[in-house]
Amino acid sequence: MNIYDKAHEFANYLKDCDEVVNFREASKKIKENEENKKMLNHLRSIQFKAYSEQMEKGEISAETKQELEGLGAIISMNPAIGEYVQYEYKFGLLWEDILKILNDAVGIEMDFPQNK
């Protein structure tokens, strides 16, 4: 069996694993409801804003923290979005683990030190 056959075998297994199935179903629920899509997009924009502030200034502004907390409270009352965020997180952990396993198997460091 060649590597491409194994990759297809893995892909077939992956598409049916709980983390992927749950994330796929939660994603469908979001796509079917325009308000949920808007709310999730708004959450993403605030998360990106918070990340950018953290990277640029070393901290998140009080205003952005307040926005995140307010939106978090609203989202916690929306089961479809809460479920989506939960399954997205679980899928992200799975994906990170898979990539780490593959990276370790290849054994090639991709972060070359820069000469100064």
PDB file of N, CA and C in Angstrom:
ATOM      1  N   MET A   1       0.852  -1.182   0.000  1.00  0.00           N
ATOM      2  CA  MET A   1       0.000   0.000   0.000  1.00  0.00           C
ATOM      3  C   MET A   1       0.897   1.243   0.000  1.00  0.00           C
ATOM      4  N   ASN A   2       0.563   2.222  -0.833  1.00  0.00           N
ATOM      5  CA  ASN A   2       1.395   3.425  -0.887  1.00  0.00           C
ATOM      6  C   ASN A   2       0.877   4.506   0.054  1.00  0.00           C
ATOM      7  N   ILE A   3       1.639   5.554   0.181  1.00  0.00           N
ATOM      8  CA  ILE A   3       1.321   6.620   1.141  1.00  0.00           C
ATOM      9  C   ILE A   3      -0.003   7.314   0.810  1.00  0.00           C
ATOM     10  N   TYR A   4      -0.333   7.428  -0.465  1.00  0.00           N
ATOM     11  CA  TYR A   4      -1.590   8.082  -0.846  1.00  0.00           C
ATOM     12  C   TYR A   4      -2.794   7.235  -0.437  1.00  0.00           C
ATOM     13  N   ASP A   5      -2.658   5.920  -0.548  1.00  0.00           N
ATOM     14  CA  ASP A   5      -3.734   5.043  -0.093  1.00  0.00           C
ATOM     15  C   ASP A   5      -3.943   5.201   1.408  1.00  0.00           C
ATOM     16  N   LYS A   6      -2.843   5.270   2.138  1.00  0.00           N
ATOM     17  CA  LYS A   6      -2.941   5.458   3.597  1.00  0.00           C
ATOM     18  C   LYS A   6      -3.558   6.814   3.930  1.00  0.00           C
ATOM     19  N   ALA A   7      -3.199   7.840   3.169  1.00  0.00           N
ATOM     20  CA  ALA A   7      -3.764   9.178   3.408  1.00  0.00           C
ATOM     21  C   ALA A   7      -5.281   9.156   3.176  1.00  0.00           C
ATOM     22  N   HIS A   8      -5.716   8.486   2.123  1.00  0.00           N
ATOM     23  CA  HIS A   8      -7.151   8.382   1.859  1.00  0.00           C
ATOM     24  C   HIS A   8      -7.848   7.555   2.936  1.00  0.00           C
ATOM     25  N   GLU A   9      -7.197   6.514   3.396  1.00  0.00           N
ATOM     26  CA  GLU A   9      -7.752   5.696   4.480  1.00  0.00           C
ATOM     27  C   GLU A   9      -7.919   6.543   5.750  1.00  0.00           C
ATOM     28  N   PHE A  10      -6.900   7.331   6.059  1.00  0.00           N
ATOM     29  CA  PHE A  10      -6.971   8.213   7.224  1.00  0.00           C
ATOM     30  C   PHE A  10      -8.075   9.257   7.050  1.00  0.00           C
ATOM     31  N   ALA A  11      -8.174   9.836   5.855  1.00  0.00           N
ATOM     32  CA  ALA A  11      -9.213  10.844   5.587  1.00  0.00           C
ATOM     33  C   ALA A  11     -10.604  10.246   5.784  1.00  0.00           C
ATOM     34  N   ASN A  12     -10.801   9.034   5.334  1.00  0.00           N
ATOM     35  CA  ASN A  12     -12.097   8.374   5.513  1.00  0.00           C
ATOM     36  C   ASN A  12     -12.392   8.134   6.987  1.00  0.00           C
ATOM     37  N   TYR A  13     -11.382   7.775   7.745  1.00  0.00           N
ATOM     38  CA  TYR A  13     -11.562   7.594   9.183  1.00  0.00           C
ATOM     39  C   TYR A  13     -11.863   8.940   9.852  1.00  0.00           C
ATOM     40  N   LEU A  14     -11.107   9.954   9.475  1.00  0.00           N
ATOM     41  CA  LEU A  14     -11.235  11.274  10.084  1.00  0.00           C
ATOM     42  C   LEU A  14     -12.627  11.865   9.878  1.00  0.00           C
ATOM     43  N   LYS A  15     -13.180  11.722   8.692  1.00  0.00           N
ATOM     44  CA  LYS A  15     -14.482  12.345   8.417  1.00  0.00           C
ATOM     45  C   LYS A  15     -15.603  11.767   9.270  1.00  0.00           C
ATOM     46  N   ASP A  16     -15.387  10.575   9.826  1.00  0.00           N
ATOM     47  CA  ASP A  16     -16.417   9.947  10.648  1.00  0.00           C
ATOM     48  C   ASP A  16     -16.124   9.975  12.142  1.00  0.00           C
ATOM     49  N   CYS A  17     -15.015  10.598  12.559  1.00  0.00           N
ATOM     50  CA  CYS A  17     -14.715  10.627  13.995  1.00  0.00           C
ATOM     51  C   CYS A  17     -15.603  11.671  14.686  1.00  0.00           C
ATOM     52  N   ASP A  18     -15.852  11.460  15.962  1.00  0.00           N
ATOM     53  CA  ASP A  18     -16.805  12.303  16.707  1.00  0.00           C
ATOM     54  C   ASP A  18     -16.492  13.793  16.613  1.00  0.00           C
ATOM     55  N   GLU A  19     -15.228  14.155  16.774  1.00  0.00           N
ATOM     56  CA  GLU A  19     -14.869  15.579  16.767  1.00  0.00           C
ATOM     57  C   GLU A  19     -15.238  16.238  15.444  1.00  0.00           C
ATOM     58  N   VAL A  20     -15.032  15.534  14.355  1.00  0.00           N
ATOM     59  CA  VAL A  20     -15.337  16.094  13.035  1.00  0.00           C
ATOM     60  C   VAL A  20     -16.847  16.100  12.787  1.00  0.00           C
ATOM     61  N   VAL A  21     -17.510  15.002  13.099  1.00  0.00           N
ATOM     62  CA  VAL A  21     -18.960  14.914  12.893  1.00  0.00           C
ATOM     63  C   VAL A  21     -19.686  15.987  13.709  1.00  0.00           C
ATOM     64  N   ASN A  22     -19.329  16.107  14.980  1.00  0.00           N
ATOM     65  CA  ASN A  22     -19.979  17.108  15.834  1.00  0.00           C
ATOM     66  C   ASN A  22     -19.731  18.528  15.345  1.00  0.00           C
ATOM     67  N   PHE A  23     -18.491  18.811  14.944  1.00  0.00           N
ATOM     68  CA  PHE A  23     -18.153  20.144  14.453  1.00  0.00           C
ATOM     69  C   PHE A  23     -18.894  20.430  13.147  1.00  0.00           C
ATOM     70  N   ARG A  24     -18.965  19.450  12.267  1.00  0.00           N
ATOM     71  CA  ARG A  24     -19.673  19.605  10.998  1.00  0.00           C
ATOM     72  C   ARG A  24     -21.156  19.904  11.240  1.00  0.00           C
ATOM     73  N   GLU A  25     -21.779  19.163  12.148  1.00  0.00           N
ATOM     74  CA  GLU A  25     -23.201  19.365  12.438  1.00  0.00           C
ATOM     75  C   GLU A  25     -23.451  20.734  13.086  1.00  0.00           C
ATOM     76  N   ALA A  26     -22.590  21.121  14.007  1.00  0.00           N
ATOM     77  CA  ALA A  26     -22.736  22.431  14.651  1.00  0.00           C
ATOM     78  C   ALA A  26     -22.559  23.547  13.623  1.00  0.00           C
ATOM     79  N   SER A  27     -21.660  23.346  12.695  1.00  0.00           N
ATOM     80  CA  SER A  27     -21.420  24.330  11.641  1.00  0.00           C
ATOM     81  C   SER A  27     -22.652  24.479  10.746  1.00  0.00           C
ATOM     82  N   LYS A  28     -23.305  23.374  10.434  1.00  0.00           N
ATOM     83  CA  LYS A  28     -24.532  23.430   9.619  1.00  0.00           C
ATOM     84  C   LYS A  28     -25.608  24.251  10.319  1.00  0.00           C
ATOM     85  N   LYS A  29     -25.733  24.071  11.632  1.00  0.00           N
ATOM     86  CA  LYS A  29     -26.740  24.816  12.389  1.00  0.00           C
ATOM     87  C   LYS A  29     -26.483  26.321  12.321  1.00  0.00           C
ATOM     88  N   ILE A  30     -25.223  26.699  12.348  1.00  0.00           N
ATOM     89  CA  ILE A  30     -24.882  28.125  12.262  1.00  0.00           C
ATOM     90  C   ILE A  30     -25.216  28.650  10.870  1.00  0.00           C
ATOM     91  N   LYS A  31     -24.840  27.901   9.849  1.00  0.00           N
ATOM     92  CA  LYS A  31     -25.057  28.351   8.466  1.00  0.00           C
ATOM     93  C   LYS A  31     -26.532  28.476   8.112  1.00  0.00           C
ATOM     94  N   GLU A  32     -27.378  27.743   8.789  1.00  0.00           N
ATOM     95  CA  GLU A  32     -28.811  27.761   8.491  1.00  0.00           C
ATOM     96  C   GLU A  32     -29.542  28.951   9.114  1.00  0.00           C
ATOM     97  N   ASN A  33     -28.871  29.710   9.968  1.00  0.00           N
ATOM     98  CA  ASN A  33     -29.534  30.795  10.678  1.00  0.00           C
ATOM     99  C   ASN A  33     -28.723  32.080  10.515  1.00  0.00           C
ATOM    100  N   GLU A  34     -29.301  33.041   9.851  1.00  0.00           N
ATOM    101  CA  GLU A  34     -28.589  34.293   9.535  1.00  0.00           C
ATOM    102  C   GLU A  34     -28.154  35.051  10.794  1.00  0.00           C
ATOM    103  N   GLU A  35     -29.003  35.077  11.817  1.00  0.00           N
ATOM    104  CA  GLU A  35     -28.639  35.765  13.070  1.00  0.00           C
ATOM    105  C   GLU A  35     -27.446  35.096  13.748  1.00  0.00           C
ATOM    106  N   ASN A  36     -27.436  33.767  13.741  1.00  0.00           N
ATOM    107  CA  ASN A  36     -26.303  33.045  14.329  1.00  0.00           C
ATOM    108  C   ASN A  36     -25.018  33.336  13.569  1.00  0.00           C
ATOM    109  N   LYS A  37     -25.109  33.393  12.233  1.00  0.00           N
ATOM    110  CA  LYS A  37     -23.922  33.717  11.428  1.00  0.00           C
ATOM    111  C   LYS A  37     -23.396  35.104  11.784  1.00  0.00           C
ATOM    112  N   LYS A  38     -24.308  36.065  11.889  1.00  0.00           N
ATOM    113  CA  LYS A  38     -23.899  37.433  12.228  1.00  0.00           C
ATOM    114  C   LYS A  38     -23.256  37.479  13.617  1.00  0.00           C
ATOM    115  N   MET A  39     -23.860  36.787  14.565  1.00  0.00           N
ATOM    116  CA  MET A  39     -23.347  36.791  15.933  1.00  0.00           C
ATOM    117  C   MET A  39     -21.959  36.135  15.987  1.00  0.00           C
ATOM    118  N   LEU A  40     -21.793  35.027  15.289  1.00  0.00           N
ATOM    119  CA  LEU A  40     -20.498  34.354  15.269  1.00  0.00           C
ATOM    120  C   LEU A  40     -19.446  35.221  14.578  1.00  0.00           C
ATOM    121  N   ASN A  41     -19.815  35.869  13.480  1.00  0.00           N
ATOM    122  CA  ASN A  41     -18.877  36.769  12.798  1.00  0.00           C
ATOM    123  C   ASN A  41     -18.477  37.933  13.700  1.00  0.00           C
ATOM    124  N   HIS A  42     -19.440  38.445  14.461  1.00  0.00           N
ATOM    125  CA  HIS A  42     -19.148  39.536  15.396  1.00  0.00           C
ATOM    126  C   HIS A  42     -18.181  39.055  16.485  1.00  0.00           C
ATOM    127  N   LEU A  43     -18.423  37.852  16.994  1.00  0.00           N
ATOM    128  CA  LEU A  43     -17.513  37.269  17.983  1.00  0.00           C
ATOM    129  C   LEU A  43     -16.106  37.157  17.408  1.00  0.00           C
ATOM    130  N   ARG A  44     -16.002  36.669  16.190  1.00  0.00           N
ATOM    131  CA  ARG A  44     -14.683  36.523  15.547  1.00  0.00           C
ATOM    132  C   ARG A  44     -13.979  37.875  15.403  1.00  0.00           C
ATOM    133  N   SER A  45     -14.724  38.892  15.036  1.00  0.00           N
ATOM    134  CA  SER A  45     -14.092  40.205  14.855  1.00  0.00           C
ATOM    135  C   SER A  45     -13.585  40.748  16.189  1.00  0.00           C
ATOM    136  N   ILE A  46     -14.336  40.531  17.258  1.00  0.00           N
ATOM    137  CA  ILE A  46     -13.891  40.991  18.579  1.00  0.00           C
ATOM    138  C   ILE A  46     -12.693  40.162  19.054  1.00  0.00           C
ATOM    139  N   GLN A  47     -12.724  38.846  18.797  1.00  0.00           N
ATOM    140  CA  GLN A  47     -11.586  38.003  19.161  1.00  0.00           C
ATOM    141  C   GLN A  47     -10.325  38.448  18.415  1.00  0.00           C
ATOM    142  N   PHE A  48     -10.475  38.766  17.128  1.00  0.00           N
ATOM    143  CA  PHE A  48      -9.329  39.222  16.342  1.00  0.00           C
ATOM    144  C   PHE A  48      -8.819  40.562  16.871  1.00  0.00           C
ATOM    145  N   LYS A  49      -9.741  41.424  17.218  1.00  0.00           N
ATOM    146  CA  LYS A  49      -9.364  42.722  17.787  1.00  0.00           C
ATOM    147  C   LYS A  49      -8.579  42.518  19.085  1.00  0.00           C
ATOM    148  N   ALA A  50      -9.057  41.622  19.943  1.00  0.00           N
ATOM    149  CA  ALA A  50      -8.376  41.342  21.213  1.00  0.00           C
ATOM    150  C   ALA A  50      -6.986  40.751  20.956  1.00  0.00           C
ATOM    151  N   TYR A  51      -6.901  39.820  20.023  1.00  0.00           N
ATOM    152  CA  TYR A  51      -5.607  39.216  19.680  1.00  0.00           C
ATOM    153  C   TYR A  51      -4.640  40.271  19.160  1.00  0.00           C
ATOM    154  N   SER A  52      -5.127  41.141  18.278  1.00  0.00           N
ATOM    155  CA  SER A  52      -4.277  42.198  17.710  1.00  0.00           C
ATOM    156  C   SER A  52      -3.776  43.146  18.798  1.00  0.00           C
ATOM    157  N   GLU A  53      -4.670  43.530  19.698  1.00  0.00           N
ATOM    158  CA  GLU A  53      -4.264  44.413  20.802  1.00  0.00           C
ATOM    159  C   GLU A  53      -3.212  43.727  21.671  1.00  0.00           C
ATOM    160  N   GLN A  54      -3.423  42.457  21.960  1.00  0.00           N
ATOM    161  CA  GLN A  54      -2.477  41.701  22.792  1.00  0.00           C
ATOM    162  C   GLN A  54      -1.106  41.661  22.127  1.00  0.00           C
ATOM    163  N   MET A  55      -1.082  41.421  20.827  1.00  0.00           N
ATOM    164  CA  MET A  55       0.191  41.326  20.110  1.00  0.00           C
ATOM    165  C   MET A  55       0.876  42.691  19.985  1.00  0.00           C
ATOM    166  N   GLU A  56       0.112  43.727  19.721  1.00  0.00           N
ATOM    167  CA  GLU A  56       0.680  45.053  19.497  1.00  0.00           C
ATOM    168  C   GLU A  56       1.046  45.781  20.791  1.00  0.00           C
ATOM    169  N   LYS A  57       0.170  45.696  21.796  1.00  0.00           N
ATOM    170  CA  LYS A  57       0.344  46.494  23.006  1.00  0.00           C
ATOM    171  C   LYS A  57       0.704  45.674  24.239  1.00  0.00           C
ATOM    172  N   GLY A  58       0.629  44.340  24.106  1.00  0.00           N
ATOM    173  CA  GLY A  58       0.938  43.484  25.243  1.00  0.00           C
ATOM    174  C   GLY A  58      -0.235  43.269  26.181  1.00  0.00           C
ATOM    175  N   GLU A  59      -1.356  43.915  25.898  1.00  0.00           N
ATOM    176  CA  GLU A  59      -2.551  43.728  26.719  1.00  0.00           C
ATOM    177  C   GLU A  59      -3.796  44.088  25.923  1.00  0.00           C
ATOM    178  N   ILE A  60      -4.914  43.611  26.423  1.00  0.00           N
ATOM    179  CA  ILE A  60      -6.202  43.877  25.782  1.00  0.00           C
ATOM    180  C   ILE A  60      -6.844  45.059  26.495  1.00  0.00           C
ATOM    181  N   SER A  61      -7.378  45.989  25.723  1.00  0.00           N
ATOM    182  CA  SER A  61      -7.987  47.182  26.314  1.00  0.00           C
ATOM    183  C   SER A  61      -9.225  46.795  27.133  1.00  0.00           C
ATOM    184  N   ALA A  62      -9.550  47.645  28.088  1.00  0.00           N
ATOM    185  CA  ALA A  62     -10.725  47.422  28.935  1.00  0.00           C
ATOM    186  C   ALA A  62     -11.990  47.390  28.077  1.00  0.00           C
ATOM    187  N   GLU A  63     -12.034  48.240  27.069  1.00  0.00           N
ATOM    188  CA  GLU A  63     -13.197  48.301  26.171  1.00  0.00           C
ATOM    189  C   GLU A  63     -13.391  46.965  25.439  1.00  0.00           C
ATOM    190  N   THR A  64     -12.309  46.414  24.924  1.00  0.00           N
ATOM    191  CA  THR A  64     -12.385  45.146  24.197  1.00  0.00           C
ATOM    192  C   THR A  64     -12.742  44.006  25.146  1.00  0.00           C
ATOM    193  N   LYS A  65     -12.184  44.026  26.350  1.00  0.00           N
ATOM    194  CA  LYS A  65     -12.536  43.006  27.346  1.00  0.00           C
ATOM    195  C   LYS A  65     -14.025  43.053  27.652  1.00  0.00           C
ATOM    196  N   GLN A  66     -14.538  44.266  27.783  1.00  0.00           N
ATOM    197  CA  GLN A  66     -15.966  44.438  28.077  1.00  0.00           C
ATOM    198  C   GLN A  66     -16.813  43.923  26.912  1.00  0.00           C
ATOM    199  N   GLU A  67     -16.379  44.202  25.687  1.00  0.00           N
ATOM    200  CA  GLU A  67     -17.100  43.698  24.509  1.00  0.00           C
ATOM    201  C   GLU A  67     -17.123  42.171  24.506  1.00  0.00           C
ATOM    202  N   LEU A  68     -15.978  41.565  24.776  1.00  0.00           N
ATOM    203  CA  LEU A  68     -15.889  40.100  24.809  1.00  0.00           C
ATOM    204  C   LEU A  68     -16.791  39.497  25.876  1.00  0.00           C
ATOM    205  N   GLU A  69     -16.769  40.094  27.058  1.00  0.00           N
ATOM    206  CA  GLU A  69     -17.601  39.591  28.148  1.00  0.00           C
ATOM    207  C   GLU A  69     -19.085  39.725  27.824  1.00  0.00           C
ATOM    208  N   GLY A  70     -19.477  40.860  27.269  1.00  0.00           N
ATOM    209  CA  GLY A  70     -20.873  41.076  26.908  1.00  0.00           C
ATOM    210  C   GLY A  70     -21.337  40.112  25.833  1.00  0.00           C
ATOM    211  N   LEU A  71     -20.515  39.945  24.836  1.00  0.00           N
ATOM    212  CA  LEU A  71     -20.867  39.026  23.764  1.00  0.00           C
ATOM    213  C   LEU A  71     -20.838  37.584  24.269  1.00  0.00           C
ATOM    214  N   GLY A  72     -19.905  37.286  25.165  1.00  0.00           N
ATOM    215  CA  GLY A  72     -19.839  35.949  25.746  1.00  0.00           C
ATOM    216  C   GLY A  72     -21.111  35.597  26.488  1.00  0.00           C
ATOM    217  N   ALA A  73     -21.667  36.554  27.200  1.00  0.00           N
ATOM    218  CA  ALA A  73     -22.911  36.329  27.931  1.00  0.00           C
ATOM    219  C   ALA A  73     -24.065  36.068  26.971  1.00  0.00           C
ATOM    220  N   ILE A  74     -24.109  36.825  25.897  1.00  0.00           N
ATOM    221  CA  ILE A  74     -25.171  36.639  24.902  1.00  0.00           C
ATOM    222  C   ILE A  74     -25.035  35.267  24.237  1.00  0.00           C
ATOM    223  N   ILE A  75     -23.814  34.920  23.879  1.00  0.00           N
ATOM    224  CA  ILE A  75     -23.573  33.646  23.198  1.00  0.00           C
ATOM    225  C   ILE A  75     -23.875  32.465  24.110  1.00  0.00           C
ATOM    226  N   SER A  76     -23.595  32.612  25.405  1.00  0.00           N
ATOM    227  CA  SER A  76     -23.872  31.508  26.326  1.00  0.00           C
ATOM    228  C   SER A  76     -25.364  31.201  26.394  1.00  0.00           C
ATOM    229  N   MET A  77     -26.198  32.170  26.015  1.00  0.00           N
ATOM    230  CA  MET A  77     -27.644  31.948  25.991  1.00  0.00           C
ATOM    231  C   MET A  77     -28.113  31.413  24.645  1.00  0.00           C
ATOM    232  N   ASN A  78     -27.196  31.291  23.682  1.00  0.00           N
ATOM    233  CA  ASN A  78     -27.536  30.780  22.359  1.00  0.00           C
ATOM    234  C   ASN A  78     -26.922  29.387  22.218  1.00  0.00           C
ATOM    235  N   PRO A  79     -27.720  28.338  22.371  1.00  0.00           N
ATOM    236  CA  PRO A  79     -27.182  26.978  22.360  1.00  0.00           C
ATOM    237  C   PRO A  79     -26.435  26.614  21.079  1.00  0.00           C
ATOM    238  N   ALA A  80     -26.903  27.076  19.930  1.00  0.00           N
ATOM    239  CA  ALA A  80     -26.258  26.720  18.660  1.00  0.00           C
ATOM    240  C   ALA A  80     -24.841  27.282  18.594  1.00  0.00           C
ATOM    241  N   ILE A  81     -24.669  28.522  19.026  1.00  0.00           N
ATOM    242  CA  ILE A  81     -23.336  29.127  18.981  1.00  0.00           C
ATOM    243  C   ILE A  81     -22.450  28.546  20.070  1.00  0.00           C
ATOM    244  N   GLY A  82     -22.993  28.344  21.253  1.00  0.00           N
ATOM    245  CA  GLY A  82     -22.221  27.724  22.321  1.00  0.00           C
ATOM    246  C   GLY A  82     -21.714  26.354  21.929  1.00  0.00           C
ATOM    247  N   GLU A  83     -22.582  25.577  21.294  1.00  0.00           N
ATOM    248  CA  GLU A  83     -22.208  24.244  20.822  1.00  0.00           C
ATOM    249  C   GLU A  83     -21.128  24.339  19.745  1.00  0.00           C
ATOM    250  N   TYR A  84     -21.313  25.268  18.808  1.00  0.00           N
ATOM    251  CA  TYR A  84     -20.337  25.452  17.733  1.00  0.00           C
ATOM    252  C   TYR A  84     -18.956  25.769  18.298  1.00  0.00           C
ATOM    253  N   VAL A  85     -18.897  26.717  19.222  1.00  0.00           N
ATOM    254  CA  VAL A  85     -17.608  27.126  19.807  1.00  0.00           C
ATOM    255  C   VAL A  85     -16.962  25.953  20.551  1.00  0.00           C
ATOM    256  N   GLN A  86     -17.772  25.194  21.266  1.00  0.00           N
ATOM    257  CA  GLN A  86     -17.267  24.027  22.002  1.00  0.00           C
ATOM    258  C   GLN A  86     -16.691  22.986  21.036  1.00  0.00           C
ATOM    259  N   TYR A  87     -17.431  22.657  19.984  1.00  0.00           N
ATOM    260  CA  TYR A  87     -16.958  21.640  19.037  1.00  0.00           C
ATOM    261  C   TYR A  87     -15.804  22.146  18.183  1.00  0.00           C
ATOM    262  N   GLU A  88     -15.790  23.431  17.909  1.00  0.00           N
ATOM    263  CA  GLU A  88     -14.662  24.015  17.179  1.00  0.00           C
ATOM    264  C   GLU A  88     -13.380  23.850  17.996  1.00  0.00           C
ATOM    265  N   TYR A  89     -13.481  24.095  19.287  1.00  0.00           N
ATOM    266  CA  TYR A  89     -12.331  23.954  20.184  1.00  0.00           C
ATOM    267  C   TYR A  89     -11.845  22.506  20.215  1.00  0.00           C
ATOM    268  N   LYS A  90     -12.775  21.567  20.357  1.00  0.00           N
ATOM    269  CA  LYS A  90     -12.397  20.152  20.408  1.00  0.00           C
ATOM    270  C   LYS A  90     -11.764  19.702  19.099  1.00  0.00           C
ATOM    271  N   PHE A  91     -12.315  20.149  17.976  1.00  0.00           N
ATOM    272  CA  PHE A  91     -11.723  19.820  16.687  1.00  0.00           C
ATOM    273  C   PHE A  91     -10.326  20.422  16.564  1.00  0.00           C
ATOM    274  N   GLY A  92     -10.168  21.657  17.025  1.00  0.00           N
ATOM    275  CA  GLY A  92      -8.861  22.316  16.975  1.00  0.00           C
ATOM    276  C   GLY A  92      -7.807  21.543  17.747  1.00  0.00           C
ATOM    277  N   LEU A  93      -8.170  21.019  18.908  1.00  0.00           N
ATOM    278  CA  LEU A  93      -7.225  20.211  19.686  1.00  0.00           C
ATOM    279  C   LEU A  93      -6.853  18.942  18.936  1.00  0.00           C
ATOM    280  N   LEU A  94      -7.847  18.281  18.359  1.00  0.00           N
ATOM    281  CA  LEU A  94      -7.584  17.077  17.578  1.00  0.00           C
ATOM    282  C   LEU A  94      -6.644  17.382  16.419  1.00  0.00           C
ATOM    283  N   TRP A  95      -6.932  18.461  15.703  1.00  0.00           N
ATOM    284  CA  TRP A  95      -6.132  18.825  14.531  1.00  0.00           C
ATOM    285  C   TRP A  95      -4.690  19.152  14.931  1.00  0.00           C
ATOM    286  N   GLU A  96      -4.533  19.879  16.012  1.00  0.00           N
ATOM    287  CA  GLU A  96      -3.183  20.188  16.513  1.00  0.00           C
ATOM    288  C   GLU A  96      -2.416  18.915  16.837  1.00  0.00           C
ATOM    289  N   ASP A  97      -3.081  17.974  17.498  1.00  0.00           N
ATOM    290  CA  ASP A  97      -2.439  16.707  17.852  1.00  0.00           C
ATOM    291  C   ASP A  97      -2.024  15.930  16.608  1.00  0.00           C
ATOM    292  N   ILE A  98      -2.909  15.882  15.624  1.00  0.00           N
ATOM    293  CA  ILE A  98      -2.591  15.173  14.379  1.00  0.00           C
ATOM    294  C   ILE A  98      -1.387  15.802  13.697  1.00  0.00           C
ATOM    295  N   LEU A  99      -1.382  17.127  13.613  1.00  0.00           N
ATOM    296  CA  LEU A  99      -0.258  17.809  12.970  1.00  0.00           C
ATOM    297  C   LEU A  99       1.048  17.585  13.735  1.00  0.00           C
ATOM    298  N   LYS A 100       0.976  17.562  15.049  1.00  0.00           N
ATOM    299  CA  LYS A 100       2.172  17.310  15.849  1.00  0.00           C
ATOM    300  C   LYS A 100       2.691  15.897  15.594  1.00  0.00           C
ATOM    301  N   ILE A 101       1.786  14.926  15.550  1.00  0.00           N
ATOM    302  CA  ILE A 101       2.183  13.540  15.283  1.00  0.00           C
ATOM    303  C   ILE A 101       2.862  13.438  13.917  1.00  0.00           C
ATOM    304  N   LEU A 102       2.274  14.057  12.914  1.00  0.00           N
ATOM    305  CA  LEU A 102       2.851  14.013  11.568  1.00  0.00           C
ATOM    306  C   LEU A 102       4.190  14.742  11.514  1.00  0.00           C
ATOM    307  N   ASN A 103       4.252  15.886  12.157  1.00  0.00           N
ATOM    308  CA  ASN A 103       5.504  16.650  12.195  1.00  0.00           C
ATOM    309  C   ASN A 103       6.610  15.855  12.879  1.00  0.00           C
ATOM    310  N   ASP A 104       6.274  15.231  14.005  1.00  0.00           N
ATOM    311  CA  ASP A 104       7.263  14.429  14.732  1.00  0.00           C
ATOM    312  C   ASP A 104       7.728  13.240  13.890  1.00  0.00           C
ATOM    313  N   ALA A 105       6.806  12.636  13.137  1.00  0.00           N
ATOM    314  CA  ALA A 105       7.164  11.489  12.303  1.00  0.00           C
ATOM    315  C   ALA A 105       8.114  11.879  11.186  1.00  0.00           C
ATOM    316  N   VAL A 106       7.906  13.056  10.625  1.00  0.00           N
ATOM    317  CA  VAL A 106       8.766  13.522   9.540  1.00  0.00           C
ATOM    318  C   VAL A 106      10.150  13.865  10.075  1.00  0.00           C
ATOM    319  N   GLY A 107      10.185  14.430  11.272  1.00  0.00           N
ATOM    320  CA  GLY A 107      11.459  14.717  11.918  1.00  0.00           C
ATOM    321  C   GLY A 107      12.257  15.854  11.317  1.00  0.00           C
ATOM    322  N   ILE A 108      11.568  16.797  10.713  1.00  0.00           N
ATOM    323  CA  ILE A 108      12.252  17.951  10.127  1.00  0.00           C
ATOM    324  C   ILE A 108      11.804  19.200  10.866  1.00  0.00           C
ATOM    325  N   GLU A 109      12.754  19.914  11.428  1.00  0.00           N
ATOM    326  CA  GLU A 109      12.453  21.182  12.106  1.00  0.00           C
ATOM    327  C   GLU A 109      12.240  22.256  11.044  1.00  0.00           C
ATOM    328  N   MET A 110      11.125  22.944  11.134  1.00  0.00           N
ATOM    329  CA  MET A 110      10.798  23.962  10.139  1.00  0.00           C
ATOM    330  C   MET A 110      11.114  25.380  10.623  1.00  0.00           C
ATOM    331  N   ASP A 111      11.569  25.503  11.861  1.00  0.00           N
ATOM    332  CA  ASP A 111      11.873  26.826  12.394  1.00  0.00           C
ATOM    333  C   ASP A 111      13.380  27.025  12.449  1.00  0.00           C
ATOM    334  N   PHE A 112      13.936  27.466  11.329  1.00  0.00           N
ATOM    335  CA  PHE A 112      15.369  27.659  11.230  1.00  0.00           C
ATOM    336  C   PHE A 112      15.780  28.919  11.987  1.00  0.00           C
ATOM    337  N   PRO A 113      16.855  28.812  12.775  1.00  0.00           N
ATOM    338  CA  PRO A 113      17.327  30.009  13.478  1.00  0.00           C
ATOM    339  C   PRO A 113      17.846  31.040  12.465  1.00  0.00           C
ATOM    340  N   GLN A 114      17.601  32.293  12.811  1.00  0.00           N
ATOM    341  CA  GLN A 114      18.072  33.361  11.935  1.00  0.00           C
ATOM    342  C   GLN A 114      19.435  33.844  12.415  1.00  0.00           C
ATOM    343  N   ASN A 115      20.306  34.063  11.483  1.00  0.00           N
ATOM    344  CA  ASN A 115      21.622  34.621  11.816  1.00  0.00           C
ATOM    345  C   ASN A 115      21.476  36.101  12.077  1.00  0.00           C
ATOM    346  N   LYS A 116      22.155  36.536  13.128  1.00  0.00           N
ATOM    347  CA  LYS A 116      22.062  37.965  13.456  1.00  0.00           C
ATOM    348  C   LYS A 116      23.386  38.636  13.210  1.00  0.00           C
TER     349      LYS A 116
END
